[in-house]
Protein backbone atom coordinates (compact mmCIF):
# COMPACT_ATOMS: atom_id res chain seq x y z
CA MET A 1 24.47 -7.15 29.70
CA VAL A 2 21.65 -7.92 27.42
CA GLU A 3 22.74 -10.46 24.74
CA GLU A 4 19.43 -11.30 23.21
CA THR A 5 16.91 -9.41 21.53
CA ASN A 6 13.45 -8.52 22.97
CA SER A 7 10.07 -9.39 21.52
CA LEU A 8 10.42 -6.33 19.58
CA GLY A 9 13.79 -6.86 18.07
CA PHE A 10 16.06 -4.57 20.48
CA LEU A 11 18.91 -5.45 22.02
CA LYS A 12 17.96 -3.88 25.33
CA PRO A 13 15.66 -4.68 28.37
CA VAL A 14 12.13 -4.45 27.76
CA GLY A 15 11.72 -1.87 30.33
CA GLU A 16 14.13 0.37 28.65
CA THR A 17 12.41 0.11 25.32
CA ARG A 18 10.08 3.05 24.72
CA VAL A 19 7.08 2.07 22.42
CA VAL A 20 4.54 4.92 21.01
CA VAL A 21 1.39 3.04 20.25
CA ALA A 22 -0.89 4.61 17.98
CA MET A 23 -4.61 4.23 19.65
CA SER A 24 -7.87 4.71 17.77
CA GLY A 25 -9.90 3.48 20.58
CA GLY A 26 -10.91 0.39 18.94
CA VAL A 27 -10.20 -3.24 20.29
CA ASP A 28 -7.08 -3.86 18.04
CA SER A 29 -5.02 -0.88 19.28
CA SER A 30 -6.22 -1.40 22.56
CA VAL A 31 -4.87 -4.66 22.86
CA CYS A 32 -1.73 -3.89 21.05
CA ALA A 33 -1.24 -1.26 23.71
CA ALA A 34 -2.17 -3.33 26.36
CA MET A 35 -0.09 -6.45 25.59
CA LEU A 36 3.24 -4.19 25.15
CA ALA A 37 2.42 -2.40 28.72
CA LYS A 38 2.02 -6.16 30.21
CA GLU A 39 5.25 -7.46 28.79
CA GLY A 40 6.93 -4.53 30.53
CA TYR A 41 7.55 -2.00 27.68
CA ASP A 42 7.54 1.86 28.09
CA VAL A 43 4.41 2.50 26.60
CA ILE A 44 2.95 5.87 25.54
CA GLY A 45 -0.41 5.97 23.97
CA VAL A 46 -1.27 8.61 21.43
CA THR A 47 -4.67 9.04 19.95
CA LEU A 48 -5.35 11.67 17.07
CA GLN A 49 -8.40 13.61 17.07
CA LEU A 50 -8.49 13.89 13.32
CA TYR A 51 -12.11 15.84 12.43
CA ASP A 52 -14.82 17.45 13.90
CA HIS A 53 -16.59 14.50 15.76
CA GLY A 54 -19.65 16.08 17.14
CA ALA A 55 -21.88 14.46 14.56
CA ALA A 56 -20.02 11.14 14.63
CA ILE A 57 -20.18 10.46 18.47
CA GLN A 58 -23.41 8.52 18.13
CA LYS A 59 -22.14 6.42 15.42
CA GLU A 60 -21.04 3.18 16.81
CA LYS A 61 -18.84 1.91 14.00
CA ALA A 62 -16.99 5.27 13.20
CA CYS A 63 -13.45 5.51 14.48
CA CYS A 64 -11.61 8.32 16.37
CA ALA A 65 -14.74 9.73 17.53
CA GLY A 66 -15.28 11.29 20.98
CA GLN A 67 -16.37 7.70 22.40
CA ASP A 68 -13.24 6.35 21.01
CA ILE A 69 -10.93 8.82 22.62
CA TYR A 70 -12.29 8.13 25.85
CA ASP A 71 -12.02 4.37 25.35
CA ALA A 72 -8.56 4.95 24.76
CA GLN A 73 -8.03 6.79 27.88
CA ARG A 74 -9.72 4.24 29.89
CA VAL A 75 -7.18 1.45 28.43
CA ALA A 76 -4.26 3.52 29.37
CA GLU A 77 -5.48 4.25 32.93
CA MET A 78 -6.40 0.63 33.45
CA MET A 79 -3.02 -0.47 32.16
CA GLY A 80 -0.89 2.24 33.73
CA PHE A 81 0.83 4.22 31.06
CA PRO A 82 0.44 7.76 29.80
CA HIS A 83 -1.81 8.71 26.84
CA TYR A 84 -1.85 11.84 24.79
CA VAL A 85 -4.52 13.16 22.38
CA LEU A 86 -3.15 15.16 19.35
CA ASP A 87 -5.36 17.70 17.72
CA TYR A 88 -4.74 16.74 13.96
CA GLU A 89 -7.88 18.16 12.75
CA SER A 90 -6.35 20.54 10.35
CA LYS A 91 -3.71 18.18 8.92
CA PHE A 92 -6.28 15.35 8.48
CA ASN A 93 -8.48 17.86 6.46
CA GLU A 94 -5.69 19.05 4.16
CA SER A 95 -4.33 15.64 3.40
CA VAL A 96 -7.04 13.30 3.70
CA MET A 97 -10.64 14.97 3.47
CA GLN A 98 -9.63 17.59 0.89
CA ASP A 99 -8.12 14.94 -1.54
CA PHE A 100 -10.84 12.70 -1.09
CA ALA A 101 -13.55 15.23 -2.21
CA ASP A 102 -11.03 16.03 -5.26
CA THR A 103 -10.60 12.43 -6.20
CA TYR A 104 -14.36 12.07 -6.66
CA LEU A 105 -14.45 14.95 -8.54
CA LYS A 106 -12.01 13.86 -11.12
CA GLY A 107 -14.22 10.95 -11.61
CA ALA A 108 -11.84 8.35 -9.70
CA THR A 109 -12.53 6.37 -6.33
CA PRO A 110 -10.35 7.19 -3.44
CA ILE A 111 -9.17 5.28 -0.60
CA PRO A 112 -8.87 7.75 2.39
CA CYS A 113 -7.56 4.94 4.76
CA VAL A 114 -4.42 4.41 2.62
CA ARG A 115 -3.83 8.50 2.47
CA CYS A 116 -4.35 8.73 6.27
CA ASN A 117 -1.71 5.95 6.77
CA GLN A 118 0.46 7.62 4.00
CA THR A 119 0.42 11.15 5.67
CA VAL A 120 -1.07 11.85 9.06
CA LYS A 121 -0.18 8.32 11.03
CA PHE A 122 2.93 7.24 9.26
CA ARG A 123 4.64 10.69 8.34
CA ASP A 124 3.20 13.11 10.97
CA LEU A 125 2.75 10.67 13.99
CA PHE A 126 5.91 9.04 12.83
CA GLN A 127 7.68 11.96 13.85
CA VAL A 128 5.85 12.81 17.23
CA ALA A 129 7.01 9.22 18.06
CA LYS A 130 10.65 10.01 17.37
CA ASP A 131 10.25 13.42 19.26
CA LEU A 132 8.92 11.41 22.33
CA GLY A 133 12.20 9.23 22.33
CA ALA A 134 10.57 6.25 21.20
CA ASP A 135 12.52 3.20 20.06
CA CYS A 136 9.76 2.37 17.75
CA MET A 137 6.02 2.98 16.99
CA ALA A 138 3.24 0.04 17.21
CA THR A 139 -0.07 -0.16 15.68
CA GLY A 140 -2.94 -2.56 15.94
CA HIS A 141 -2.92 -3.33 12.17
CA TYR A 142 -3.07 -6.99 11.12
CA ILE A 143 -0.01 -7.49 9.02
CA LYS A 144 3.41 -8.87 9.97
CA ARG A 145 7.09 -7.32 9.88
CA VAL A 146 9.29 -9.94 9.17
CA MET A 147 13.17 -9.86 9.13
CA GLY A 148 14.62 -10.90 5.96
CA PRO A 149 18.29 -11.09 4.29
CA GLY A 150 18.04 -7.35 3.41
CA GLY A 151 16.18 -6.00 6.44
CA PRO A 152 12.48 -5.68 7.43
CA GLU A 153 9.95 -7.14 5.14
CA LEU A 154 6.23 -6.59 5.01
CA HIS A 155 4.14 -9.61 5.12
CA ARG A 156 0.54 -10.48 4.96
CA ALA A 157 -1.13 -11.37 8.33
CA HIS A 158 -1.77 -14.74 9.69
CA ASP A 159 -5.37 -14.18 9.47
CA TYR A 160 -5.91 -13.22 5.99
CA GLY A 161 -9.53 -12.45 6.41
CA LYS A 162 -8.22 -9.46 8.34
CA ASP A 163 -5.16 -8.70 6.49
CA GLN A 164 -4.56 -5.06 6.18
CA SER A 165 -1.74 -5.04 3.76
CA TYR A 166 -3.56 -3.61 0.93
CA PHE A 167 -4.07 -0.13 3.13
CA LEU A 168 -0.13 -0.30 3.87
CA PHE A 169 1.69 -0.74 0.53
CA ALA A 170 2.75 2.88 0.89
CA THR A 171 4.66 2.15 4.09
CA THR A 172 8.41 3.08 3.09
CA ARG A 173 11.50 1.12 4.03
CA GLU A 174 12.34 4.08 6.66
CA GLN A 175 9.06 3.71 8.31
CA LEU A 176 9.22 -0.08 8.31
CA ASP A 177 12.36 0.11 10.26
CA PHE A 178 10.48 2.13 13.12
CA LEU A 179 7.06 0.41 12.82
CA ARG A 180 5.97 -2.70 14.62
CA PHE A 181 2.57 -4.82 14.47
CA PRO A 182 2.34 -7.04 17.46
CA LEU A 183 -1.09 -8.57 16.15
CA GLY A 184 0.12 -9.57 12.80
CA GLY A 185 0.22 -13.36 13.71
CA MET A 186 -2.87 -13.43 15.43
CA ASP A 187 -6.37 -13.80 14.39
CA LYS A 188 -9.36 -11.50 15.82
CA SER A 189 -10.84 -13.96 17.76
CA GLU A 190 -7.60 -14.19 19.81
CA THR A 191 -7.63 -10.34 19.98
CA ARG A 192 -10.90 -10.13 21.65
CA LYS A 193 -9.90 -12.83 24.20
CA LEU A 194 -7.05 -10.91 25.11
CA ALA A 195 -9.09 -7.91 25.44
CA GLN A 196 -11.52 -9.69 27.91
CA GLU A 197 -8.20 -11.36 29.80
CA PHE A 198 -7.07 -7.76 30.25
CA GLY A 199 -10.31 -6.79 31.37
CA LEU A 200 -10.67 -4.13 28.62
CA ARG A 201 -14.30 -2.44 27.94
CA VAL A 202 -13.77 -2.27 24.75
CA ALA A 203 -13.39 -6.34 24.14
CA SER A 204 -16.85 -6.70 22.39
CA LYS A 205 -16.75 -3.23 20.46
CA PRO A 206 -17.76 -3.29 17.03
CA ASP A 207 -14.96 -3.40 14.34
CA SER A 208 -15.09 0.07 12.15
CA GLN A 209 -16.67 -0.57 9.10
CA ASP A 210 -17.11 3.02 7.54
CA ILE A 211 -14.87 5.74 6.76
CA CYS A 212 -14.26 7.67 9.99
CA PHE A 213 -15.38 11.01 8.88
CA VAL A 214 -18.40 9.68 7.23
CA PRO A 215 -20.92 9.39 10.03
CA THR A 216 -23.77 8.67 7.94
CA GLY A 217 -22.24 6.21 5.92
CA LYS A 218 -22.76 8.63 2.89
CA TYR A 219 -19.72 9.80 1.21
CA THR A 220 -21.73 12.27 -0.88
CA ASP A 221 -22.87 14.28 1.94
CA VAL A 222 -19.41 15.26 3.12
CA ILE A 223 -18.42 15.73 -0.56
CA GLU A 224 -21.47 18.10 -0.82
CA LYS A 225 -20.26 19.99 2.38
CA LEU A 226 -16.63 20.19 1.24
CA ARG A 227 -17.74 21.25 -2.28
CA PRO A 228 -21.13 22.83 -2.39
CA ASP A 229 -20.99 23.37 -6.20
CA ALA A 230 -19.90 19.81 -7.05
CA ALA A 231 -22.94 18.12 -7.98
CA ASP A 232 -23.18 19.27 -11.58
CA PRO A 233 -25.41 17.16 -13.68
CA GLY A 234 -24.39 15.59 -17.12
CA ASP A 235 -25.17 12.89 -19.90
CA MET A 236 -25.56 9.46 -19.31
CA VAL A 237 -24.01 8.06 -22.26
CA HIS A 238 -24.17 4.16 -23.76
CA MET A 239 -20.61 3.25 -24.61
CA ASP A 240 -21.89 3.16 -28.26
CA GLY A 241 -22.14 6.91 -27.99
CA THR A 242 -26.08 7.02 -27.50
CA VAL A 243 -27.16 9.60 -24.72
CA LEU A 244 -29.48 7.52 -22.55
CA GLY A 245 -30.39 10.59 -19.95
CA ARG A 246 -29.20 12.76 -17.46
CA HIS A 247 -27.30 12.18 -14.22
CA ARG A 248 -27.15 14.28 -11.27
CA GLY A 249 -23.25 14.34 -10.43
CA ILE A 250 -20.21 12.26 -11.29
CA MET A 251 -19.74 12.03 -7.72
CA TYR A 252 -22.54 9.94 -7.33
CA TYR A 253 -21.27 7.15 -9.38
CA THR A 254 -18.33 4.61 -9.33
CA ILE A 255 -16.77 2.19 -11.93
CA GLY A 256 -18.73 -1.21 -11.80
CA GLN A 257 -21.98 0.46 -10.34
CA ARG A 258 -25.33 -1.31 -11.59
CA ARG A 259 -28.06 -0.13 -9.18
CA GLY A 260 -29.12 3.80 -8.94
CA LEU A 261 -28.48 4.81 -12.53
CA GLY A 262 -31.76 5.95 -13.05
CA LEU A 263 -32.14 3.82 -16.26
CA LYS A 264 -34.33 1.43 -17.35
CA ASP A 265 -32.92 -1.65 -19.11
CA GLY A 266 -34.80 -2.53 -22.44
CA SER A 267 -36.65 -5.91 -22.68
CA GLY A 268 -33.94 -8.48 -23.44
CA GLN A 269 -31.10 -6.49 -22.86
CA ASP A 270 -28.05 -6.82 -20.55
CA PRO A 271 -28.02 -4.95 -17.40
CA LEU A 272 -25.94 -1.56 -17.77
CA TYR A 273 -23.19 -0.95 -15.62
CA VAL A 274 -20.85 2.36 -14.99
CA VAL A 275 -17.73 1.49 -17.17
CA ARG A 276 -16.08 4.96 -17.18
CA ILE A 277 -16.39 8.44 -16.06
CA ASP A 278 -15.39 11.26 -18.21
CA ALA A 279 -15.06 14.30 -15.50
CA ASP A 280 -14.04 16.78 -18.28
CA LYS A 281 -17.08 16.28 -20.19
CA LYS A 282 -19.15 15.27 -17.02
CA GLN A 283 -20.27 12.08 -18.76
CA VAL A 284 -20.91 8.76 -17.06
CA ILE A 285 -20.51 6.15 -19.62
CA VAL A 286 -22.56 3.03 -19.44
CA GLY A 287 -22.10 -0.50 -20.97
CA PRO A 288 -22.56 -4.10 -20.27
CA ARG A 289 -20.56 -6.13 -17.56
CA SER A 290 -18.44 -7.43 -20.25
CA ALA A 291 -17.06 -3.88 -20.85
CA LEU A 292 -15.45 -3.80 -17.40
CA ALA A 293 -12.84 -6.13 -17.92
CA ARG A 294 -9.55 -4.52 -17.76
CA SER A 295 -6.03 -6.24 -18.30
CA THR A 296 -3.69 -3.25 -18.39
CA ILE A 297 -3.11 -0.83 -15.40
CA PHE A 298 -1.35 2.40 -15.36
CA LEU A 299 0.07 3.57 -12.12
CA THR A 300 1.71 6.53 -10.43
CA ASP A 301 3.54 7.55 -7.45
CA VAL A 302 4.69 3.77 -7.03
CA ASN A 303 6.37 2.65 -3.66
CA TRP A 304 8.93 0.07 -3.83
CA ILE A 305 9.71 -2.07 -0.84
CA GLY A 306 10.83 -5.26 -2.56
CA ASP A 307 14.78 -6.46 -3.20
CA GLY A 308 16.90 -3.77 -4.89
CA ALA A 309 16.25 -0.45 -6.64
CA PHE A 310 12.68 -0.04 -8.23
CA ASP A 311 13.91 0.52 -12.12
CA GLN A 312 13.66 -0.96 -15.52
CA LYS A 313 15.62 -3.90 -14.46
CA LEU A 314 12.18 -5.27 -13.04
CA ASP A 315 10.63 -5.01 -16.39
CA GLY A 316 8.77 -8.25 -16.98
CA LEU A 317 8.92 -9.14 -13.48
CA LYS A 318 6.34 -11.47 -12.37
CA ILE A 319 4.16 -10.59 -9.32
CA GLY A 320 0.81 -11.03 -7.69
CA VAL A 321 -1.56 -7.85 -7.60
CA LYS A 322 -4.66 -6.79 -5.74
CA VAL A 323 -6.63 -4.13 -7.02
CA ARG A 324 -9.21 -4.47 -4.38
CA SER A 325 -8.74 -5.01 -0.67
CA THR A 326 -11.33 -8.00 -0.53
CA ARG A 327 -9.98 -9.97 -3.53
CA PRO A 328 -6.88 -12.31 -3.45
CA PRO A 329 -3.55 -11.40 -5.36
CA GLU A 330 -3.94 -12.27 -9.12
CA PRO A 331 -0.80 -13.18 -11.43
CA ALA A 332 0.35 -10.07 -13.17
CA ALA A 333 3.61 -8.71 -14.71
CA LEU A 334 5.32 -5.42 -14.16
CA LYS A 335 6.04 -3.46 -17.14
CA TRP A 336 7.68 -0.27 -18.23
CA LYS A 337 5.86 1.54 -21.20
CA ASP A 338 7.25 4.78 -22.48
CA ASP A 339 8.42 5.64 -19.02
CA GLN A 340 5.32 4.74 -17.45
CA ILE A 341 4.65 2.01 -14.98
CA VAL A 342 2.26 -0.66 -16.13
CA VAL A 343 0.77 -3.80 -14.48
CA GLU A 344 -0.32 -6.40 -17.14
CA LEU A 345 -3.03 -8.77 -15.64
CA ASP A 346 -2.75 -12.71 -16.55
CA GLU A 347 -6.46 -12.39 -16.67
CA ALA A 348 -8.78 -9.51 -16.96
CA GLU A 349 -10.22 -8.13 -13.85
CA ASP A 350 -13.61 -6.07 -13.36
CA GLY A 351 -14.19 -2.80 -11.95
CA VAL A 352 -10.51 -1.26 -11.91
CA SER A 353 -10.93 2.09 -10.81
CA PRO A 354 -8.59 5.13 -11.32
CA GLY A 355 -7.79 6.41 -7.95
CA GLN A 356 -7.74 2.82 -6.02
CA ALA A 357 -4.77 1.10 -5.23
CA CYS A 358 -2.80 -1.72 -7.12
CA VAL A 359 -0.59 -3.53 -4.72
CA PHE A 360 2.19 -5.93 -5.45
CA TYR A 361 2.89 -9.20 -3.82
CA ALA A 362 5.86 -11.96 -4.23
CA PRO A 363 4.67 -14.36 -6.65
CA ASP A 364 5.41 -17.23 -4.75
CA GLY A 365 2.59 -19.75 -3.65
CA ALA A 366 1.98 -18.02 -0.24
CA GLN A 367 2.29 -14.71 -1.91
CA ALA A 368 2.86 -13.16 1.42
CA ARG A 369 5.31 -10.84 1.04
CA VAL A 370 4.09 -7.27 0.15
CA LEU A 371 6.41 -5.91 -2.63
CA GLY A 372 4.91 -2.11 -2.57
CA GLY A 373 2.23 -0.75 -5.13
CA GLY A 374 1.10 2.16 -6.65
CA TRP A 375 -2.10 4.44 -7.49
CA ILE A 376 -4.32 3.65 -10.52
CA THR A 377 -4.46 6.37 -12.95
CA ARG A 378 -6.16 4.45 -15.80
CA THR A 379 -6.83 1.15 -17.63
CA ALA A 380 -7.07 -0.08 -21.04
């Protein structure tokens, strides 16, 4: 009789615990799968073919391309567990790529990695794992699942430099019950060392840097392909109302952008930045850097995985928030204004863009626990 939980938290023998591992072909997911197989778990590897990867095969830093599928298969063969490749191209196109293009055309800046986690990976693959009889699904994300008084909690990774909590804020409580993140307590050097010890060919494989379906690194190429008539020109307008020139399409500009505006700063004037995009008027509004500061952020589709219900009883709650994946959490307060969810930053931030995520963290000193987050609709 088993009286202690195994390393994945189940009160059953390791060999009787089935784990589906999402494998992208990179070093992180490969080590995740190899670790669990080495420990004796009943591992099944699954790789999703997400897009027409013909043009991306030669791109070393793009994930889920042809070479990556082959690399995932080799890891499974070496470690002795079954591996399946699922064609999710149409689902990925509908849920992620089309949304990516449409968001840019609305003058916002999308995060396709969050949409992918929110839909294809943690919704569709989640169901596949259950259909395969899995006890849980594991990924190579750098984030922690910690058991708290009220159940599983999401926490930032041990290695804050690799922490991926910003991209996983939309993880629901139901998904968190089923998910496991074996790499959350490790840093990248440990992961690569384990890959070498396991003899995995991916041990020195570069990290993925670009959006997986943008093999050239130019997102505008993808938008032009998906929306051929999207690049409508319009006015480049100073925030004081002065028309400074013409732009070649709002999809080429993002909030906070300085370079590539096609404008010559006058002698002695401050550099100009994109401070707002008006998709309806096809205008790109520019101004000085000081005009980028925003302290009020309006949100939609908030996902709450903190304690209790998400309602107006939380009005005024002190939290930490991230509005960029690379920035540390900053002090803020959660507010309800006319039935809208608003975050009030203690200090204004530059370059807060609609379409991005605002992720909530516990306000204690470590700011380790992820409380959820929402999508930015506008700022003030």
